[in-house]
Amino acid sequence: MDRDWAEPLDLEAIAAHAGYSRYHFVRAFRAVYGQTPGQYLSRRRVERAQEMLRTANLSVTEICTLVGFSSLATFSARFKKQTGLSPSEYRAEHVGRGAALIPGCYAMLWAGGFPRRQAARSRAILKRTSTSTRAGPADGPSRAQVRPA
């Protein structure tokens, strides 16, 4: 959960990976961490949002989406419950205390934003790769012909 904190929580998959039923996993998790997996993930997302509000020149809505919340209202409510401030109030209080804000385009790129561009880039790479593997007989053996048995 710490690695994929921006992804939706799939308790069934996590519990199955741990070898527990969903319900037993939640009980065991709460016994160890003092909170449910959903509460833990929400706390981690708010912590990431705090960092982004301090360092990135992105809107609150963009940060909400990047950290994994699907609802701005839920994000704002959880953020205020955890920090005591709304996201905008938090930014106003903490910006200017450290280094300059990172431009939003760099922060989005670092956080995995711009999915359409990445998909287009991946398609272009695949297209180049597939055309380069269609070499004729004069160009030497193709990849399919070189495979070991």
N, C-alpha and C. Protein backbone atom coordinates (compact mmCIF):
# COMPACT_ATOMS: atom_id res chain seq x y z
N MET A 1 0.82 -1.20 0.00
CA MET A 1 0.00 0.00 0.00
C MET A 1 0.86 1.25 0.00
N ASP A 2 2.01 1.19 0.61
CA ASP A 2 2.87 2.37 0.61
C ASP A 2 3.43 2.66 -0.78
N ARG A 3 3.65 1.63 -1.57
CA ARG A 3 4.21 1.81 -2.89
C ARG A 3 3.15 2.30 -3.88
N ASP A 4 1.96 1.75 -3.82
CA ASP A 4 0.90 2.07 -4.77
C ASP A 4 -0.22 2.88 -4.12
N TRP A 5 0.13 3.90 -3.35
CA TRP A 5 -0.83 4.64 -2.57
C TRP A 5 -1.82 5.43 -3.42
N ALA A 6 -1.50 5.73 -4.65
CA ALA A 6 -2.41 6.50 -5.50
C ALA A 6 -3.42 5.61 -6.22
N GLU A 7 -3.22 4.30 -6.17
CA GLU A 7 -4.11 3.36 -6.84
C GLU A 7 -5.31 3.05 -5.94
N PRO A 8 -6.43 2.62 -6.54
CA PRO A 8 -7.58 2.22 -5.72
C PRO A 8 -7.23 1.03 -4.82
N LEU A 9 -7.82 1.00 -3.65
CA LEU A 9 -7.55 -0.06 -2.68
C LEU A 9 -8.35 -1.31 -3.04
N ASP A 10 -7.66 -2.43 -3.26
CA ASP A 10 -8.31 -3.70 -3.57
C ASP A 10 -8.03 -4.65 -2.40
N LEU A 11 -8.90 -4.59 -1.40
CA LEU A 11 -8.69 -5.39 -0.19
C LEU A 11 -8.67 -6.89 -0.49
N GLU A 12 -9.50 -7.33 -1.41
CA GLU A 12 -9.53 -8.76 -1.75
C GLU A 12 -8.16 -9.22 -2.23
N ALA A 13 -7.55 -8.46 -3.12
CA ALA A 13 -6.25 -8.85 -3.68
C ALA A 13 -5.15 -8.78 -2.62
N ILE A 14 -5.17 -7.75 -1.81
CA ILE A 14 -4.15 -7.62 -0.77
C ILE A 14 -4.27 -8.74 0.25
N ALA A 15 -5.49 -9.02 0.66
CA ALA A 15 -5.72 -10.10 1.63
C ALA A 15 -5.33 -11.45 1.04
N ALA A 16 -5.68 -11.70 -0.21
CA ALA A 16 -5.32 -12.96 -0.85
C ALA A 16 -3.80 -13.10 -0.95
N HIS A 17 -3.12 -11.99 -1.25
CA HIS A 17 -1.65 -12.02 -1.32
C HIS A 17 -1.04 -12.35 0.04
N ALA A 18 -1.68 -11.87 1.10
CA ALA A 18 -1.20 -12.15 2.46
C ALA A 18 -1.65 -13.52 2.95
N GLY A 19 -2.57 -14.16 2.23
CA GLY A 19 -3.03 -15.48 2.61
C GLY A 19 -4.15 -15.46 3.63
N TYR A 20 -4.90 -14.35 3.71
CA TYR A 20 -6.00 -14.21 4.64
C TYR A 20 -7.29 -13.93 3.90
N SER A 21 -8.40 -14.14 4.59
CA SER A 21 -9.67 -13.65 4.05
C SER A 21 -9.67 -12.14 4.22
N ARG A 22 -10.55 -11.47 3.51
CA ARG A 22 -10.62 -10.01 3.59
C ARG A 22 -10.88 -9.55 5.02
N TYR A 23 -11.80 -10.21 5.70
CA TYR A 23 -12.21 -9.79 7.03
C TYR A 23 -11.12 -10.05 8.08
N HIS A 24 -10.44 -11.17 7.96
CA HIS A 24 -9.36 -11.46 8.89
C HIS A 24 -8.19 -10.51 8.65
N PHE A 25 -7.93 -10.19 7.40
CA PHE A 25 -6.86 -9.24 7.08
C PHE A 25 -7.13 -7.87 7.72
N VAL A 26 -8.36 -7.40 7.60
CA VAL A 26 -8.71 -6.10 8.19
C VAL A 26 -8.52 -6.14 9.70
N ARG A 27 -8.96 -7.23 10.36
CA ARG A 27 -8.78 -7.35 11.83
C ARG A 27 -7.30 -7.38 12.20
N ALA A 28 -6.50 -8.15 11.47
CA ALA A 28 -5.07 -8.25 11.76
C ALA A 28 -4.38 -6.91 11.50
N PHE A 29 -4.74 -6.24 10.43
CA PHE A 29 -4.15 -4.94 10.09
C PHE A 29 -4.45 -3.93 11.19
N ARG A 30 -5.72 -3.90 11.64
CA ARG A 30 -6.11 -2.96 12.69
C ARG A 30 -5.37 -3.26 13.99
N ALA A 31 -5.15 -4.54 14.29
CA ALA A 31 -4.43 -4.90 15.51
C ALA A 31 -2.99 -4.41 15.48
N VAL A 32 -2.38 -4.44 14.31
CA VAL A 32 -0.97 -4.02 14.17
C VAL A 32 -0.83 -2.51 14.04
N TYR A 33 -1.64 -1.89 13.18
CA TYR A 33 -1.49 -0.47 12.87
C TYR A 33 -2.45 0.45 13.60
N GLY A 34 -3.46 -0.11 14.27
CA GLY A 34 -4.40 0.73 15.00
C GLY A 34 -5.44 1.40 14.14
N GLN A 35 -5.51 1.04 12.88
CA GLN A 35 -6.50 1.60 11.96
C GLN A 35 -6.73 0.62 10.81
N THR A 36 -7.84 0.79 10.12
CA THR A 36 -8.14 -0.11 9.02
C THR A 36 -7.24 0.21 7.82
N PRO A 37 -7.13 -0.70 6.86
CA PRO A 37 -6.33 -0.40 5.66
C PRO A 37 -6.83 0.84 4.93
N GLY A 38 -8.13 1.04 4.87
CA GLY A 38 -8.66 2.23 4.21
C GLY A 38 -8.26 3.51 4.92
N GLN A 39 -8.31 3.51 6.25
CA GLN A 39 -7.90 4.68 7.02
C GLN A 39 -6.40 4.94 6.87
N TYR A 40 -5.62 3.87 6.87
CA TYR A 40 -4.17 3.99 6.70
C TYR A 40 -3.85 4.60 5.33
N LEU A 41 -4.50 4.08 4.29
CA LEU A 41 -4.25 4.57 2.94
C LEU A 41 -4.67 6.02 2.80
N SER A 42 -5.79 6.38 3.39
CA SER A 42 -6.26 7.76 3.36
C SER A 42 -5.24 8.69 4.04
N ARG A 43 -4.71 8.25 5.19
CA ARG A 43 -3.71 9.05 5.89
C ARG A 43 -2.46 9.23 5.03
N ARG A 44 -2.00 8.17 4.38
CA ARG A 44 -0.82 8.25 3.52
C ARG A 44 -1.06 9.20 2.34
N ARG A 45 -2.26 9.14 1.77
CA ARG A 45 -2.58 10.03 0.65
C ARG A 45 -2.59 11.49 1.09
N VAL A 46 -3.13 11.76 2.27
CA VAL A 46 -3.14 13.14 2.77
C VAL A 46 -1.70 13.59 3.03
N GLU A 47 -0.85 12.72 3.55
CA GLU A 47 0.55 13.09 3.75
C GLU A 47 1.23 13.45 2.44
N ARG A 48 0.95 12.69 1.39
CA ARG A 48 1.51 13.00 0.06
C ARG A 48 0.96 14.33 -0.45
N ALA A 49 -0.33 14.56 -0.20
CA ALA A 49 -0.95 15.82 -0.63
C ALA A 49 -0.32 17.00 0.10
N GLN A 50 -0.01 16.84 1.39
CA GLN A 50 0.65 17.91 2.13
C GLN A 50 1.98 18.27 1.47
N GLU A 51 2.73 17.25 1.11
CA GLU A 51 4.02 17.49 0.46
C GLU A 51 3.84 18.22 -0.87
N MET A 52 2.86 17.79 -1.64
CA MET A 52 2.63 18.43 -2.95
C MET A 52 2.11 19.86 -2.79
N LEU A 53 1.28 20.10 -1.79
CA LEU A 53 0.79 21.46 -1.56
C LEU A 53 1.92 22.40 -1.17
N ARG A 54 2.92 21.88 -0.47
CA ARG A 54 4.07 22.70 -0.08
C ARG A 54 5.04 22.93 -1.22
N THR A 55 5.14 21.97 -2.15
CA THR A 55 6.23 22.02 -3.12
C THR A 55 5.83 22.19 -4.57
N ALA A 56 4.61 21.86 -4.95
CA ALA A 56 4.23 21.87 -6.37
C ALA A 56 3.24 22.98 -6.67
N ASN A 57 3.37 23.56 -7.82
CA ASN A 57 2.47 24.61 -8.26
C ASN A 57 1.31 23.98 -9.03
N LEU A 58 0.50 23.18 -8.32
CA LEU A 58 -0.67 22.50 -8.89
C LEU A 58 -1.91 22.94 -8.13
N SER A 59 -3.05 22.86 -8.78
CA SER A 59 -4.29 23.20 -8.09
C SER A 59 -4.64 22.11 -7.09
N VAL A 60 -5.50 22.44 -6.17
CA VAL A 60 -5.94 21.47 -5.16
C VAL A 60 -6.64 20.29 -5.86
N THR A 61 -7.40 20.57 -6.90
CA THR A 61 -8.09 19.50 -7.63
C THR A 61 -7.09 18.56 -8.29
N GLU A 62 -6.04 19.10 -8.90
CA GLU A 62 -5.02 18.25 -9.52
C GLU A 62 -4.32 17.38 -8.48
N ILE A 63 -4.01 17.96 -7.34
CA ILE A 63 -3.36 17.20 -6.27
C ILE A 63 -4.29 16.12 -5.75
N CYS A 64 -5.56 16.46 -5.59
CA CYS A 64 -6.56 15.49 -5.14
C CYS A 64 -6.55 14.26 -6.04
N THR A 65 -6.56 14.47 -7.33
CA THR A 65 -6.57 13.38 -8.30
C THR A 65 -5.25 12.61 -8.28
N LEU A 66 -4.14 13.32 -8.22
CA LEU A 66 -2.82 12.66 -8.24
C LEU A 66 -2.58 11.76 -7.04
N VAL A 67 -3.11 12.13 -5.89
CA VAL A 67 -2.87 11.30 -4.70
C VAL A 67 -3.87 10.17 -4.56
N GLY A 68 -4.87 10.10 -5.46
CA GLY A 68 -5.73 8.93 -5.47
C GLY A 68 -7.15 9.13 -5.00
N PHE A 69 -7.55 10.36 -4.67
CA PHE A 69 -8.94 10.59 -4.28
C PHE A 69 -9.76 10.84 -5.54
N SER A 70 -10.96 10.30 -5.58
CA SER A 70 -11.82 10.52 -6.74
C SER A 70 -12.80 11.66 -6.50
N SER A 71 -12.93 12.11 -5.28
CA SER A 71 -13.87 13.18 -4.93
C SER A 71 -13.13 14.30 -4.21
N LEU A 72 -13.28 15.51 -4.73
CA LEU A 72 -12.65 16.67 -4.10
C LEU A 72 -13.24 16.92 -2.72
N ALA A 73 -14.54 16.69 -2.55
CA ALA A 73 -15.18 16.90 -1.25
C ALA A 73 -14.63 15.93 -0.20
N THR A 74 -14.49 14.65 -0.58
CA THR A 74 -13.93 13.66 0.35
C THR A 74 -12.49 14.01 0.69
N PHE A 75 -11.72 14.39 -0.33
CA PHE A 75 -10.32 14.77 -0.11
C PHE A 75 -10.24 15.94 0.87
N SER A 76 -11.02 16.98 0.63
CA SER A 76 -10.98 18.16 1.50
C SER A 76 -11.40 17.84 2.93
N ALA A 77 -12.42 17.00 3.07
CA ALA A 77 -12.89 16.62 4.41
C ALA A 77 -11.84 15.81 5.15
N ARG A 78 -11.25 14.84 4.49
CA ARG A 78 -10.21 14.02 5.13
C ARG A 78 -8.97 14.84 5.43
N PHE A 79 -8.61 15.74 4.51
CA PHE A 79 -7.45 16.59 4.72
C PHE A 79 -7.65 17.48 5.94
N LYS A 80 -8.84 18.10 6.04
CA LYS A 80 -9.12 18.99 7.17
C LYS A 80 -9.17 18.21 8.48
N LYS A 81 -9.73 16.99 8.45
CA LYS A 81 -9.81 16.18 9.66
C LYS A 81 -8.41 15.82 10.16
N GLN A 82 -7.49 15.53 9.23
CA GLN A 82 -6.14 15.11 9.62
C GLN A 82 -5.24 16.28 9.99
N THR A 83 -5.37 17.41 9.28
CA THR A 83 -4.43 18.52 9.51
C THR A 83 -5.03 19.69 10.28
N GLY A 84 -6.36 19.76 10.32
CA GLY A 84 -7.01 20.89 10.97
C GLY A 84 -7.18 22.09 10.05
N LEU A 85 -6.70 21.97 8.82
CA LEU A 85 -6.81 23.06 7.85
C LEU A 85 -7.35 22.51 6.54
N SER A 86 -8.01 23.37 5.77
CA SER A 86 -8.41 22.95 4.43
C SER A 86 -7.14 22.92 3.56
N PRO A 87 -7.16 22.24 2.43
CA PRO A 87 -5.97 22.23 1.57
C PRO A 87 -5.49 23.62 1.18
N SER A 88 -6.42 24.52 0.87
CA SER A 88 -6.03 25.89 0.49
C SER A 88 -5.41 26.64 1.66
N GLU A 89 -5.99 26.48 2.85
CA GLU A 89 -5.42 27.12 4.04
C GLU A 89 -4.04 26.55 4.35
N TYR A 90 -3.89 25.24 4.18
CA TYR A 90 -2.59 24.59 4.43
C TYR A 90 -1.54 25.16 3.49
N ARG A 91 -1.88 25.28 2.21
CA ARG A 91 -0.93 25.82 1.24
C ARG A 91 -0.56 27.26 1.59
N ALA A 92 -1.55 28.07 1.91
CA ALA A 92 -1.29 29.48 2.23
C ALA A 92 -0.37 29.60 3.44
N GLU A 93 -0.52 28.70 4.41
CA GLU A 93 0.29 28.76 5.62
C GLU A 93 1.72 28.26 5.40
N HIS A 94 1.91 27.30 4.48
CA HIS A 94 3.21 26.66 4.34
C HIS A 94 4.03 27.08 3.13
N VAL A 95 3.43 27.68 2.13
CA VAL A 95 4.18 28.09 0.95
C VAL A 95 5.02 29.31 1.30
N GLY A 96 6.21 29.36 0.77
CA GLY A 96 7.10 30.49 1.01
C GLY A 96 8.07 30.26 2.14
N ARG A 97 7.97 29.13 2.83
CA ARG A 97 8.88 28.83 3.93
C ARG A 97 10.13 28.11 3.47
N GLY A 98 10.11 27.61 2.26
CA GLY A 98 11.25 26.82 1.78
C GLY A 98 11.61 27.22 0.37
N ALA A 99 11.97 26.24 -0.42
CA ALA A 99 12.37 26.47 -1.80
C ALA A 99 11.16 26.90 -2.63
N ALA A 100 11.43 27.40 -3.82
CA ALA A 100 10.37 27.81 -4.73
C ALA A 100 9.53 26.61 -5.14
N LEU A 101 8.30 26.87 -5.52
CA LEU A 101 7.41 25.79 -5.94
C LEU A 101 7.89 25.17 -7.24
N ILE A 102 7.72 23.87 -7.35
CA ILE A 102 8.05 23.16 -8.58
C ILE A 102 6.95 23.46 -9.58
N PRO A 103 7.31 23.81 -10.82
CA PRO A 103 6.25 24.06 -11.82
C PRO A 103 5.33 22.85 -11.97
N GLY A 104 4.05 23.12 -12.15
CA GLY A 104 3.05 22.07 -12.22
C GLY A 104 3.33 21.02 -13.28
N CYS A 105 3.87 21.45 -14.44
CA CYS A 105 4.11 20.48 -15.52
C CYS A 105 5.14 19.44 -15.10
N TYR A 106 6.17 19.85 -14.36
CA TYR A 106 7.18 18.90 -13.87
C TYR A 106 6.60 17.98 -12.80
N ALA A 107 5.80 18.55 -11.92
CA ALA A 107 5.20 17.75 -10.86
C ALA A 107 4.23 16.72 -11.45
N MET A 108 3.45 17.11 -12.44
CA MET A 108 2.52 16.18 -13.09
C MET A 108 3.29 15.06 -13.78
N LEU A 109 4.36 15.41 -14.46
CA LEU A 109 5.16 14.41 -15.17
C LEU A 109 5.78 13.44 -14.17
N TRP A 110 6.30 13.95 -13.06
CA TRP A 110 6.92 13.10 -12.04
C TRP A 110 5.89 12.18 -11.40
N ALA A 111 4.67 12.68 -11.21
CA ALA A 111 3.64 11.90 -10.54
C ALA A 111 2.90 10.96 -11.49
N GLY A 112 3.31 10.93 -12.74
CA GLY A 112 2.68 10.02 -13.70
C GLY A 112 1.51 10.64 -14.42
N GLY A 113 1.46 11.96 -14.46
CA GLY A 113 0.39 12.64 -15.16
C GLY A 113 0.54 12.53 -16.66
N PHE A 114 -0.27 13.27 -17.37
CA PHE A 114 -0.27 13.29 -18.82
C PHE A 114 -0.43 11.91 -19.43
N PRO A 115 -1.45 11.14 -19.05
CA PRO A 115 -1.59 9.78 -19.55
C PRO A 115 -1.78 9.70 -21.05
N ARG A 116 -2.42 10.66 -21.67
CA ARG A 116 -2.62 10.61 -23.12
C ARG A 116 -1.30 10.71 -23.85
N ARG A 117 -0.41 11.57 -23.38
CA ARG A 117 0.88 11.71 -24.03
C ARG A 117 1.70 10.44 -23.86
N GLN A 118 1.63 9.85 -22.68
CA GLN A 118 2.38 8.62 -22.45
C GLN A 118 1.86 7.51 -23.34
N ALA A 119 0.54 7.42 -23.50
CA ALA A 119 -0.04 6.39 -24.35
C ALA A 119 0.37 6.61 -25.80
N ALA A 120 0.33 7.87 -26.23
CA ALA A 120 0.74 8.17 -27.61
C ALA A 120 2.21 7.85 -27.82
N ARG A 121 3.04 8.17 -26.82
CA ARG A 121 4.47 7.88 -26.92
C ARG A 121 4.70 6.38 -26.97
N SER A 122 3.97 5.63 -26.15
CA SER A 122 4.10 4.17 -26.15
C SER A 122 3.69 3.58 -27.49
N ARG A 123 2.59 4.10 -28.06
CA ARG A 123 2.16 3.61 -29.37
C ARG A 123 3.21 3.92 -30.42
N ALA A 124 3.81 5.10 -30.36
CA ALA A 124 4.83 5.46 -31.35
C ALA A 124 6.05 4.54 -31.22
N ILE A 125 6.44 4.24 -30.01
CA ILE A 125 7.58 3.35 -29.80
C ILE A 125 7.25 1.95 -30.30
N LEU A 126 6.05 1.48 -29.99
CA LEU A 126 5.64 0.16 -30.47
C LEU A 126 5.59 0.12 -31.99
N LYS A 127 5.12 1.18 -32.61
CA LYS A 127 5.04 1.24 -34.06
C LYS A 127 6.44 1.19 -34.67
N ARG A 128 7.37 1.97 -34.09
CA ARG A 128 8.75 1.96 -34.58
C ARG A 128 9.38 0.58 -34.41
N THR A 129 9.12 -0.04 -33.27
CA THR A 129 9.68 -1.36 -32.99
C THR A 129 9.12 -2.40 -33.95
N SER A 130 7.81 -2.33 -34.19
CA SER A 130 7.20 -3.34 -35.06
C SER A 130 7.64 -3.16 -36.51
N THR A 131 7.87 -1.92 -36.95
CA THR A 131 8.34 -1.74 -38.33
C THR A 131 9.80 -2.11 -38.46
N SER A 132 10.59 -1.94 -37.40
CA SER A 132 12.01 -2.30 -37.49
C SER A 132 12.22 -3.81 -37.41
N THR A 133 11.24 -4.54 -36.88
CA THR A 133 11.38 -6.00 -36.82
C THR A 133 10.86 -6.68 -38.08
N ARG A 134 10.34 -5.89 -39.03
CA ARG A 134 9.85 -6.45 -40.28
C ARG A 134 10.93 -6.40 -41.36
N ALA A 135 12.12 -6.66 -40.99
CA ALA A 135 13.23 -6.59 -41.93
C ALA A 135 13.10 -7.68 -42.98
N GLY A 136 13.49 -7.33 -44.18
CA GLY A 136 13.42 -8.29 -45.29
C GLY A 136 14.62 -9.22 -45.27
N PRO A 137 14.68 -10.20 -46.20
CA PRO A 137 15.77 -11.17 -46.24
C PRO A 137 17.13 -10.52 -46.46
N ALA A 138 17.17 -9.39 -47.18
CA ALA A 138 18.45 -8.74 -47.43
C ALA A 138 18.99 -8.08 -46.17
N ASP A 139 18.13 -7.80 -45.23
CA ASP A 139 18.54 -7.13 -43.99
C ASP A 139 19.01 -8.11 -42.93
N GLY A 140 19.02 -9.39 -43.21
CA GLY A 140 19.43 -10.37 -42.21
C GLY A 140 18.23 -11.06 -41.61
N PRO A 141 18.45 -12.01 -40.73
CA PRO A 141 17.33 -12.76 -40.16
C PRO A 141 16.51 -11.88 -39.22
N SER A 142 15.20 -12.13 -39.19
CA SER A 142 14.32 -11.37 -38.28
C SER A 142 14.44 -11.97 -36.88
N ARG A 143 13.83 -11.31 -35.92
CA ARG A 143 13.88 -11.79 -34.54
C ARG A 143 13.24 -13.18 -34.43
N ALA A 144 12.17 -13.39 -35.18
CA ALA A 144 11.48 -14.67 -35.12
C ALA A 144 12.37 -15.81 -35.62
N GLN A 145 13.27 -15.49 -36.57
CA GLN A 145 14.14 -16.52 -37.14
C GLN A 145 15.34 -16.82 -36.25
N VAL A 146 15.67 -15.92 -35.34
CA VAL A 146 16.86 -16.07 -34.53
C VAL A 146 16.57 -16.74 -33.20
N ARG A 147 15.34 -16.89 -32.82
CA ARG A 147 14.97 -17.46 -31.52
C ARG A 147 15.56 -18.85 -31.34
N PRO A 148 16.13 -19.13 -30.16
CA PRO A 148 16.62 -20.48 -29.89
C PRO A 148 15.46 -21.44 -29.68
N ALA A 149 15.69 -22.71 -29.99
CA ALA A 149 14.63 -23.71 -29.87
C ALA A 149 14.39 -24.14 -28.47
